[in-house]
Structures are given as structure tokens and as C-alpha cells.
Amino acid sequence: MTAIDIPVLPIPKVSVVTGASSGIGRAAATRLAGMGSTIVVGYNSRPDAANDVVRGLPGRGHVAMRIGIDDPNSIAAAAEAVRGRFGGIDALVNCGGATTPIPAGDLDGLTDEIFDRTVQLNLRGPFAMIRAFRPLLERGDNAAIVNISSIAARTGIGSSLAYVAAKAGLDSLTIALAKVLAPKVRVFSVSPAGVDTDFVPTRTREQLEKIAEKLPLERVTMPDDVARAVVACIVNLTSSTGIVVPVDEGRHL
């Protein structure tokens, strides 16, 4: 048999992960660090948790940094700090976000304030991050952006109508930015559903298990399942951009 030369995968030297103090963000930071990437652990209001993440990551040079994705000054300061420390970055993972659960039929309960705040955090925030970090990504090697979306954008079922709309907007933004930022930067959405985290305050493990029983793969999605998809986009899908990758046990089917 003739040996087949397998190309060496392009490991991101520096990765910025927002919302990395817990859940999917923490799992993505851990996976990327395990491959040899230096991680900027972005957090909003929990510096102790972010520093715990930094201490637990394999490798060296990781740093916790406040990045309030609803605060333009915080984003600008973070981009400048990352530029000064690293010069450029190879991956940006937009995990930061939040939701306020409101039943879909409760249109009065979904106030303008809740709607605007949900869109601000889950749509405008990732865009603001991409806008600020674009110059650093363009200095990177085989750079990629991964936006953490939700299958709610596709199914129309989520924690609130505002959240559904914001994530649908994020997927559309991903496709549009893939065109704008090519060829230097690839852009992806990773679209999970019902991940076992504390992201939705009212959701229990028991509820997730009942939902999982009805899914094709019959299991609850864990943060590391999503993290592995994030890594695949950054490292493996080097000939892809502008795609939405479901990580939902087949819920979209």
C-alpha cells in the first residue's frame, strides 16, 4: 500500500472566546487550549469564574479579560489589549449571550425592553465583536469566526420570540459576513438545542431528558458536543464558510 500524506491541521495560535466562564464557552476554550491554542477567556461579570477557567486550561499564556458584549467601550478596550498582547488572533468564538424566558404566546409579556435587550446581547453583541476584532483576525493564520447560534432560529421554538429572532438574524449575519470577510476570514454558525447548561434559568435536566427521548439520537447535548463542532469549524472545515452547523441530536429533522 502507498502511504497517504495527511496534511497537518492548522491549529489557531490565539483564540478569543466570549462567554467563556461557563457552559459552551468554557468547553470551547478547553478544547482549543488542549490543541495548543492560547485562549483569551472573555467574561462579563464573573471574573473569579473566568480566572478558574484560565487556571484549569492546559498550556500557557491564557488570560481572563472582561468583554461586555453590550458595551462598546469594553469591546474596544479588549480588542486593544489583545492587539497589544498578541498582535493578532486566529479564532473568535462568540459564545456570550443571555435570554429571558417568555412563553411564545405571551406577546404582552415580551416587552420592548426584554426584546431589545435580547437582540442586543445575542445579535448586536456578536456583530460588535466581529467589527472590533476584524483587523486582528485578518492578521491571523487561516482565521475563523464561530457564532454560537441556536436551532431555535430554524424551528421557531425557543426561550422567547425575541431569542428566536435574534438567532435567526445571527445566522443571516454569518452568511453575509462570510462573503464580506473572505478570503481572509471564514465565518460559521454552530446551532445547538437544549444543551445541558444553566443558560436557560428555568430549564431542568429532567426536562432536557424528556425532550431527548423524542429526538432521533435520543440523548442530551452536552457543552463539549458543541465545543467539538466549534473546533471542527475552525480547524477542519478549511474549505467551508458561511454555513450553519446544527448540533441538536437531529431535532431539526
C-alpha atoms as a PDB file:
ATOM      1  CA  MET A   1       0.000   0.000   0.000  1.00  0.00           C
ATOM      2  CA  THR A   2       1.133   3.532  -0.737  1.00  0.00           C
ATOM      3  CA  ALA A   3       1.297   5.817   2.264  1.00  0.00           C
ATOM      4  CA  ILE A   4      -1.068   8.774   2.171  1.00  0.00           C
ATOM      5  CA  ASP A   5       0.270  12.119   3.294  1.00  0.00           C
ATOM      6  CA  ILE A   6      -2.181  13.691   5.718  1.00  0.00           C
ATOM      7  CA  PRO A   7      -1.830  17.479   5.925  1.00  0.00           C
ATOM      8  CA  VAL A   8      -1.091  18.957   9.325  1.00  0.00           C
ATOM      9  CA  LEU A   9      -4.170  20.700  10.698  1.00  0.00           C
ATOM     10  CA  PRO A  10      -3.872  24.486  11.194  1.00  0.00           C
ATOM     11  CA  ILE A  11      -4.136  24.960  14.958  1.00  0.00           C
ATOM     12  CA  PRO A  12      -5.149  28.510  15.973  1.00  0.00           C
ATOM     13  CA  LYS A  13      -2.306  30.108  17.900  1.00  0.00           C
ATOM     14  CA  VAL A  14      -4.571  32.624  19.694  1.00  0.00           C
ATOM     15  CA  SER A  15      -8.324  32.287  20.234  1.00  0.00           C
ATOM     16  CA  VAL A  16     -10.768  34.749  21.805  1.00  0.00           C
ATOM     17  CA  VAL A  17     -13.837  33.134  23.368  1.00  0.00           C
ATOM     18  CA  THR A  18     -16.606  35.305  24.810  1.00  0.00           C
ATOM     19  CA  GLY A  19     -18.894  33.924  27.483  1.00  0.00           C
ATOM     20  CA  ALA A  20     -16.084  31.545  28.391  1.00  0.00           C
ATOM     21  CA  SER A  21     -16.555  31.479  32.159  1.00  0.00           C
ATOM     22  CA  SER A  22     -19.093  28.632  31.910  1.00  0.00           C
ATOM     23  CA  GLY A  23     -21.075  26.313  29.657  1.00  0.00           C
ATOM     24  CA  ILE A  24     -20.365  26.133  25.951  1.00  0.00           C
ATOM     25  CA  GLY A  25     -17.786  28.911  26.090  1.00  0.00           C
ATOM     26  CA  ARG A  26     -15.788  27.139  28.769  1.00  0.00           C
ATOM     27  CA  ALA A  27     -15.952  23.864  26.860  1.00  0.00           C
ATOM     28  CA  ALA A  28     -14.795  25.552  23.637  1.00  0.00           C
ATOM     29  CA  ALA A  29     -11.908  27.259  25.448  1.00  0.00           C
ATOM     30  CA  THR A  30     -10.870  23.924  26.955  1.00  0.00           C
ATOM     31  CA  ARG A  31     -10.954  22.108  23.620  1.00  0.00           C
ATOM     32  CA  LEU A  32      -8.972  24.818  21.827  1.00  0.00           C
ATOM     33  CA  ALA A  33      -6.400  25.064  24.618  1.00  0.00           C
ATOM     34  CA  GLY A  34      -5.998  21.292  24.510  1.00  0.00           C
ATOM     35  CA  MET A  35      -4.978  21.604  20.864  1.00  0.00           C
ATOM     36  CA  GLY A  36      -2.314  24.171  21.720  1.00  0.00           C
ATOM     37  CA  SER A  37      -4.150  27.473  21.301  1.00  0.00           C
ATOM     38  CA  THR A  38      -3.622  30.358  23.720  1.00  0.00           C
ATOM     39  CA  ILE A  39      -7.034  31.469  24.984  1.00  0.00           C
ATOM     40  CA  VAL A  40      -8.462  34.859  25.873  1.00  0.00           C
ATOM     41  CA  VAL A  41     -11.236  33.859  28.281  1.00  0.00           C
ATOM     42  CA  GLY A  42     -13.842  36.561  27.810  1.00  0.00           C
ATOM     43  CA  TYR A  43     -16.309  37.192  30.623  1.00  0.00           C
ATOM     44  CA  ASN A  44     -18.841  39.835  31.595  1.00  0.00           C
ATOM     45  CA  SER A  45     -19.499  39.835  35.350  1.00  0.00           C
ATOM     46  CA  ARG A  46     -17.778  36.776  36.822  1.00  0.00           C
ATOM     47  CA  PRO A  47     -14.011  37.367  36.976  1.00  0.00           C
ATOM     48  CA  ASP A  48     -13.469  34.661  39.603  1.00  0.00           C
ATOM     49  CA  ALA A  49     -15.122  32.041  37.390  1.00  0.00           C
ATOM     50  CA  ALA A  50     -13.108  33.214  34.374  1.00  0.00           C
ATOM     51  CA  ASN A  51      -9.853  33.007  36.314  1.00  0.00           C
ATOM     52  CA  ASP A  52     -10.815  29.500  37.435  1.00  0.00           C
ATOM     53  CA  VAL A  53     -11.188  28.581  33.761  1.00  0.00           C
ATOM     54  CA  VAL A  54      -7.757  30.042  32.973  1.00  0.00           C
ATOM     55  CA  ARG A  55      -6.141  28.053  35.781  1.00  0.00           C
ATOM     56  CA  GLY A  56      -7.723  24.837  34.524  1.00  0.00           C
ATOM     57  CA  LEU A  57      -6.715  25.187  30.883  1.00  0.00           C
ATOM     58  CA  PRO A  58      -3.813  23.142  29.530  1.00  0.00           C
ATOM     59  CA  GLY A  59      -0.903  25.102  28.155  1.00  0.00           C
ATOM     60  CA  ARG A  60       0.401  28.557  28.973  1.00  0.00           C
ATOM     61  CA  GLY A  61      -0.282  32.214  28.301  1.00  0.00           C
ATOM     62  CA  HIS A  62      -4.055  32.148  28.768  1.00  0.00           C
ATOM     63  CA  VAL A  63      -5.694  35.282  30.145  1.00  0.00           C
ATOM     64  CA  ALA A  64      -9.096  36.234  31.516  1.00  0.00           C
ATOM     65  CA  MET A  65     -10.433  39.507  30.125  1.00  0.00           C
ATOM     66  CA  ARG A  66     -13.662  41.379  30.699  1.00  0.00           C
ATOM     67  CA  ILE A  67     -15.538  41.732  27.406  1.00  0.00           C
ATOM     68  CA  GLY A  68     -19.016  43.147  27.940  1.00  0.00           C
ATOM     69  CA  ILE A  69     -20.601  42.426  24.580  1.00  0.00           C
ATOM     70  CA  ASP A  70     -23.284  45.042  25.247  1.00  0.00           C
ATOM     71  CA  ASP A  71     -20.643  47.703  25.995  1.00  0.00           C
ATOM     72  CA  PRO A  72     -18.809  49.223  23.004  1.00  0.00           C
ATOM     73  CA  ASN A  73     -16.104  50.681  25.245  1.00  0.00           C
ATOM     74  CA  SER A  74     -15.435  47.288  26.828  1.00  0.00           C
ATOM     75  CA  ILE A  75     -15.181  45.636  23.415  1.00  0.00           C
ATOM     76  CA  ALA A  76     -12.841  48.333  22.096  1.00  0.00           C
ATOM     77  CA  ALA A  77     -10.633  48.109  25.191  1.00  0.00           C
ATOM     78  CA  ALA A  78     -10.467  44.325  24.893  1.00  0.00           C
ATOM     79  CA  ALA A  79      -9.522  44.479  21.211  1.00  0.00           C
ATOM     80  CA  GLU A  80      -6.743  46.943  22.007  1.00  0.00           C
ATOM     81  CA  ALA A  81      -5.494  44.816  24.899  1.00  0.00           C
ATOM     82  CA  VAL A  82      -5.441  41.699  22.713  1.00  0.00           C
ATOM     83  CA  ARG A  83      -3.651  43.606  19.950  1.00  0.00           C
ATOM     84  CA  GLY A  84      -1.010  44.800  22.400  1.00  0.00           C
ATOM     85  CA  ARG A  85      -0.507  41.361  23.923  1.00  0.00           C
ATOM     86  CA  PHE A  86      -0.730  39.089  20.871  1.00  0.00           C
ATOM     87  CA  GLY A  87      -0.665  41.254  17.732  1.00  0.00           C
ATOM     88  CA  GLY A  88      -3.423  39.235  16.066  1.00  0.00           C
ATOM     89  CA  ILE A  89      -5.767  36.307  16.608  1.00  0.00           C
ATOM     90  CA  ASP A  90      -6.669  33.193  14.649  1.00  0.00           C
ATOM     91  CA  ALA A  91     -10.139  32.421  16.040  1.00  0.00           C
ATOM     92  CA  LEU A  92     -13.067  34.313  17.549  1.00  0.00           C
ATOM     93  CA  VAL A  93     -15.819  32.289  19.215  1.00  0.00           C
ATOM     94  CA  ASN A  94     -18.895  34.359  20.045  1.00  0.00           C
ATOM     95  CA  CYS A  95     -20.464  32.456  22.948  1.00  0.00           C
ATOM     96  CA  GLY A  96     -21.598  35.440  25.009  1.00  0.00           C
ATOM     97  CA  GLY A  97     -25.347  35.989  25.263  1.00  0.00           C
ATOM     98  CA  ALA A  98     -28.386  35.725  27.522  1.00  0.00           C
ATOM     99  CA  THR A  99     -32.102  35.097  27.367  1.00  0.00           C
ATOM    100  CA  THR A 100     -35.247  35.889  29.339  1.00  0.00           C
ATOM    101  CA  PRO A 101     -37.737  33.017  29.027  1.00  0.00           C
ATOM    102  CA  ILE A 102     -41.154  34.267  27.876  1.00  0.00           C
ATOM    103  CA  PRO A 103     -43.835  31.878  26.521  1.00  0.00           C
ATOM    104  CA  ALA A 104     -44.276  32.346  22.771  1.00  0.00           C
ATOM    105  CA  GLY A 105     -47.964  33.144  23.140  1.00  0.00           C
ATOM    106  CA  ASP A 106     -47.392  35.836  25.761  1.00  0.00           C
ATOM    107  CA  LEU A 107     -46.904  38.766  23.402  1.00  0.00           C
ATOM    108  CA  ASP A 108     -47.621  41.298  26.145  1.00  0.00           C
ATOM    109  CA  GLY A 109     -45.071  39.651  28.410  1.00  0.00           C
ATOM    110  CA  LEU A 110     -42.389  40.122  25.767  1.00  0.00           C
ATOM    111  CA  THR A 111     -41.908  43.807  26.463  1.00  0.00           C
ATOM    112  CA  ASP A 112     -39.954  46.172  24.255  1.00  0.00           C
ATOM    113  CA  GLU A 113     -37.251  46.281  26.923  1.00  0.00           C
ATOM    114  CA  ILE A 114     -36.845  42.483  27.001  1.00  0.00           C
ATOM    115  CA  PHE A 115     -36.959  42.262  23.199  1.00  0.00           C
ATOM    116  CA  ASP A 116     -34.339  44.964  22.701  1.00  0.00           C
ATOM    117  CA  ARG A 117     -32.059  43.538  25.396  1.00  0.00           C
ATOM    118  CA  THR A 118     -32.276  40.047  23.901  1.00  0.00           C
ATOM    119  CA  VAL A 119     -31.389  41.293  20.427  1.00  0.00           C
ATOM    120  CA  GLN A 120     -28.626  43.488  21.830  1.00  0.00           C
ATOM    121  CA  LEU A 121     -26.904  40.575  23.547  1.00  0.00           C
ATOM    122  CA  ASN A 122     -27.472  37.825  21.003  1.00  0.00           C
ATOM    123  CA  LEU A 123     -27.200  39.678  17.688  1.00  0.00           C
ATOM    124  CA  ARG A 124     -25.674  43.111  18.043  1.00  0.00           C
ATOM    125  CA  GLY A 125     -23.087  41.867  20.529  1.00  0.00           C
ATOM    126  CA  PRO A 126     -21.542  39.267  18.213  1.00  0.00           C
ATOM    127  CA  PHE A 127     -21.550  41.779  15.359  1.00  0.00           C
ATOM    128  CA  ALA A 128     -19.808  44.368  17.536  1.00  0.00           C
ATOM    129  CA  MET A 129     -17.174  41.783  18.463  1.00  0.00           C
ATOM    130  CA  ILE A 130     -16.558  40.894  14.829  1.00  0.00           C
ATOM    131  CA  ARG A 131     -16.333  44.553  13.835  1.00  0.00           C
ATOM    132  CA  ALA A 132     -13.792  45.318  16.567  1.00  0.00           C
ATOM    133  CA  PHE A 133     -11.670  42.179  16.129  1.00  0.00           C
ATOM    134  CA  ARG A 134     -11.718  42.060  12.330  1.00  0.00           C
ATOM    135  CA  PRO A 135      -8.264  43.704  11.969  1.00  0.00           C
ATOM    136  CA  LEU A 136      -6.768  41.191  14.400  1.00  0.00           C
ATOM    137  CA  LEU A 137      -8.391  38.253  12.612  1.00  0.00           C
ATOM    138  CA  GLU A 138      -7.085  39.470   9.274  1.00  0.00           C
ATOM    139  CA  ARG A 139      -3.584  39.299  10.730  1.00  0.00           C
ATOM    140  CA  GLY A 140      -4.175  35.709  11.811  1.00  0.00           C
ATOM    141  CA  ASP A 141      -3.419  32.409  10.136  1.00  0.00           C
ATOM    142  CA  ASN A 142      -6.379  30.709   8.441  1.00  0.00           C
ATOM    143  CA  ALA A 143      -8.639  32.747  10.723  1.00  0.00           C
ATOM    144  CA  ALA A 144     -12.206  31.767  11.571  1.00  0.00           C
ATOM    145  CA  ILE A 145     -15.196  33.150  13.447  1.00  0.00           C
ATOM    146  CA  VAL A 146     -17.735  30.840  15.058  1.00  0.00           C
ATOM    147  CA  ASN A 147     -21.020  32.328  16.250  1.00  0.00           C
ATOM    148  CA  ILE A 148     -22.934  30.220  18.754  1.00  0.00           C
ATOM    149  CA  SER A 149     -26.479  30.348  17.443  1.00  0.00           C
ATOM    150  CA  SER A 150     -29.463  28.118  18.251  1.00  0.00           C
ATOM    151  CA  ILE A 151     -31.646  25.649  16.412  1.00  0.00           C
ATOM    152  CA  ALA A 152     -34.453  27.951  17.570  1.00  0.00           C
ATOM    153  CA  ALA A 153     -33.562  30.105  14.568  1.00  0.00           C
ATOM    154  CA  ARG A 154     -34.658  27.236  12.318  1.00  0.00           C
ATOM    155  CA  THR A 155     -37.545  25.727  14.286  1.00  0.00           C
ATOM    156  CA  GLY A 156     -39.104  28.941  15.609  1.00  0.00           C
ATOM    157  CA  ILE A 157     -39.264  27.374  19.070  1.00  0.00           C
ATOM    158  CA  GLY A 158     -37.099  28.847  21.807  1.00  0.00           C
ATOM    159  CA  SER A 159     -36.945  30.619  25.136  1.00  0.00           C
ATOM    160  CA  SER A 160     -38.707  33.648  23.646  1.00  0.00           C
ATOM    161  CA  LEU A 161     -39.735  35.051  20.283  1.00  0.00           C
ATOM    162  CA  ALA A 162     -37.036  37.687  20.671  1.00  0.00           C
ATOM    163  CA  TYR A 163     -34.398  34.987  21.152  1.00  0.00           C
ATOM    164  CA  VAL A 164     -35.664  33.105  18.092  1.00  0.00           C
ATOM    165  CA  ALA A 165     -35.480  36.280  16.011  1.00  0.00           C
ATOM    166  CA  ALA A 166     -32.050  37.260  17.300  1.00  0.00           C
ATOM    167  CA  LYS A 167     -30.544  33.869  16.497  1.00  0.00           C
ATOM    168  CA  ALA A 168     -32.142  33.843  13.052  1.00  0.00           C
ATOM    169  CA  GLY A 169     -30.539  37.217  12.496  1.00  0.00           C
ATOM    170  CA  LEU A 170     -27.211  35.848  13.678  1.00  0.00           C
ATOM    171  CA  ASP A 171     -27.368  33.027  11.133  1.00  0.00           C
ATOM    172  CA  SER A 172     -28.143  35.508   8.361  1.00  0.00           C
ATOM    173  CA  LEU A 173     -25.311  37.720   9.568  1.00  0.00           C
ATOM    174  CA  THR A 174     -22.978  34.722   9.457  1.00  0.00           C
ATOM    175  CA  ILE A 175     -23.791  34.119   5.795  1.00  0.00           C
ATOM    176  CA  ALA A 176     -23.450  37.785   4.871  1.00  0.00           C
ATOM    177  CA  LEU A 177     -20.163  38.239   6.731  1.00  0.00           C
ATOM    178  CA  ALA A 178     -18.739  35.103   5.145  1.00  0.00           C
ATOM    179  CA  LYS A 179     -18.929  36.977   1.851  1.00  0.00           C
ATOM    180  CA  VAL A 180     -17.650  40.254   3.269  1.00  0.00           C
ATOM    181  CA  LEU A 181     -14.679  38.839   5.182  1.00  0.00           C
ATOM    182  CA  ALA A 182     -13.491  36.324   2.573  1.00  0.00           C
ATOM    183  CA  PRO A 183     -10.878  35.274   1.704  1.00  0.00           C
ATOM    184  CA  LYS A 184      -9.013  36.148   4.907  1.00  0.00           C
ATOM    185  CA  VAL A 185     -11.611  35.033   7.467  1.00  0.00           C
ATOM    186  CA  ARG A 186     -14.082  32.133   7.434  1.00  0.00           C
ATOM    187  CA  VAL A 187     -17.399  32.546   9.302  1.00  0.00           C
ATOM    188  CA  PHE A 188     -19.651  29.859  10.789  1.00  0.00           C
ATOM    189  CA  SER A 189     -22.699  29.423  12.989  1.00  0.00           C
ATOM    190  CA  VAL A 190     -22.879  26.446  15.317  1.00  0.00           C
ATOM    191  CA  SER A 191     -26.509  25.827  16.153  1.00  0.00           C
ATOM    192  CA  PRO A 192     -27.239  23.758  19.284  1.00  0.00           C
ATOM    193  CA  ALA A 193     -30.504  22.953  21.049  1.00  0.00           C
ATOM    194  CA  GLY A 194     -31.248  22.052  24.638  1.00  0.00           C
ATOM    195  CA  VAL A 195     -27.646  21.955  25.871  1.00  0.00           C
ATOM    196  CA  ASP A 196     -27.155  20.848  29.467  1.00  0.00           C
ATOM    197  CA  THR A 197     -26.071  24.220  30.896  1.00  0.00           C
ATOM    198  CA  ASP A 198     -27.614  26.884  33.128  1.00  0.00           C
ATOM    199  CA  PHE A 199     -28.179  29.227  30.161  1.00  0.00           C
ATOM    200  CA  VAL A 200     -31.982  29.000  30.461  1.00  0.00           C
ATOM    201  CA  PRO A 201     -32.602  29.541  34.197  1.00  0.00           C
ATOM    202  CA  THR A 202     -35.930  27.681  34.337  1.00  0.00           C
ATOM    203  CA  ARG A 203     -34.829  24.586  32.401  1.00  0.00           C
ATOM    204  CA  THR A 204     -34.038  21.389  34.306  1.00  0.00           C
ATOM    205  CA  ARG A 205     -32.051  18.282  33.421  1.00  0.00           C
ATOM    206  CA  GLU A 206     -35.258  16.271  33.695  1.00  0.00           C
ATOM    207  CA  GLN A 207     -36.911  18.468  31.059  1.00  0.00           C
ATOM    208  CA  LEU A 208     -33.941  18.018  28.752  1.00  0.00           C
ATOM    209  CA  GLU A 209     -34.083  14.245  29.159  1.00  0.00           C
ATOM    210  CA  LYS A 210     -37.785  14.154  28.289  1.00  0.00           C
ATOM    211  CA  ILE A 211     -37.121  16.167  25.156  1.00  0.00           C
ATOM    212  CA  ALA A 212     -34.179  13.932  24.253  1.00  0.00           C
ATOM    213  CA  GLU A 213     -36.402  10.838  24.304  1.00  0.00           C
ATOM    214  CA  LYS A 214     -38.196  12.203  21.234  1.00  0.00           C
ATOM    215  CA  LEU A 215     -35.089  13.127  19.248  1.00  0.00           C
ATOM    216  CA  PRO A 216     -33.522  10.922  16.565  1.00  0.00           C
ATOM    217  CA  LEU A 217     -30.304  10.443  18.550  1.00  0.00           C
ATOM    218  CA  GLU A 218     -32.128  10.170  21.899  1.00  0.00           C
ATOM    219  CA  ARG A 219     -29.547  11.982  24.009  1.00  0.00           C
ATOM    220  CA  VAL A 220     -28.995  15.305  25.733  1.00  0.00           C
ATOM    221  CA  THR A 221     -26.447  17.594  24.100  1.00  0.00           C
ATOM    222  CA  MET A 222     -23.524  18.429  26.378  1.00  0.00           C
ATOM    223  CA  PRO A 223     -21.326  21.544  26.187  1.00  0.00           C
ATOM    224  CA  ASP A 224     -18.401  19.512  24.866  1.00  0.00           C
ATOM    225  CA  ASP A 225     -20.543  18.262  21.971  1.00  0.00           C
ATOM    226  CA  VAL A 226     -20.915  21.870  20.867  1.00  0.00           C
ATOM    227  CA  ALA A 227     -17.257  22.620  21.572  1.00  0.00           C
ATOM    228  CA  ARG A 228     -16.155  19.816  19.251  1.00  0.00           C
ATOM    229  CA  ALA A 229     -18.267  21.324  16.470  1.00  0.00           C
ATOM    230  CA  VAL A 230     -16.652  24.699  17.129  1.00  0.00           C
ATOM    231  CA  VAL A 231     -13.201  23.150  16.806  1.00  0.00           C
ATOM    232  CA  ALA A 232     -14.240  21.334  13.624  1.00  0.00           C
ATOM    233  CA  CYS A 233     -15.265  24.623  12.016  1.00  0.00           C
ATOM    234  CA  ILE A 234     -12.037  26.360  12.977  1.00  0.00           C
ATOM    235  CA  VAL A 235      -9.594  23.527  12.300  1.00  0.00           C
ATOM    236  CA  ASN A 236     -11.151  21.028   9.906  1.00  0.00           C
ATOM    237  CA  LEU A 237     -13.561  22.932   7.645  1.00  0.00           C
ATOM    238  CA  THR A 238     -10.879  24.913   5.878  1.00  0.00           C
ATOM    239  CA  SER A 239     -12.765  24.882   2.555  1.00  0.00           C
ATOM    240  CA  SER A 240     -16.082  25.990   4.072  1.00  0.00           C
ATOM    241  CA  THR A 241     -17.531  29.311   5.128  1.00  0.00           C
ATOM    242  CA  GLY A 242     -20.979  30.813   5.628  1.00  0.00           C
ATOM    243  CA  ILE A 243     -22.600  27.613   6.862  1.00  0.00           C
ATOM    244  CA  VAL A 244     -24.807  26.787   9.851  1.00  0.00           C
ATOM    245  CA  VAL A 245     -23.842  23.567  11.645  1.00  0.00           C
ATOM    246  CA  PRO A 246     -26.649  22.000  13.750  1.00  0.00           C
ATOM    247  CA  VAL A 247     -25.607  20.263  16.988  1.00  0.00           C
ATOM    248  CA  ASP A 248     -29.043  19.174  18.151  1.00  0.00           C
ATOM    249  CA  GLU A 249     -29.326  15.368  18.157  1.00  0.00           C
ATOM    250  CA  GLY A 250     -31.413  15.671  14.968  1.00  0.00           C
ATOM    251  CA  ARG A 251     -34.028  17.978  16.469  1.00  0.00           C
ATOM    252  CA  HIS A 252     -34.233  20.000  13.251  1.00  0.00           C
ATOM    253  CA  LEU A 253     -35.375  16.959  11.231  1.00  0.00           C
END
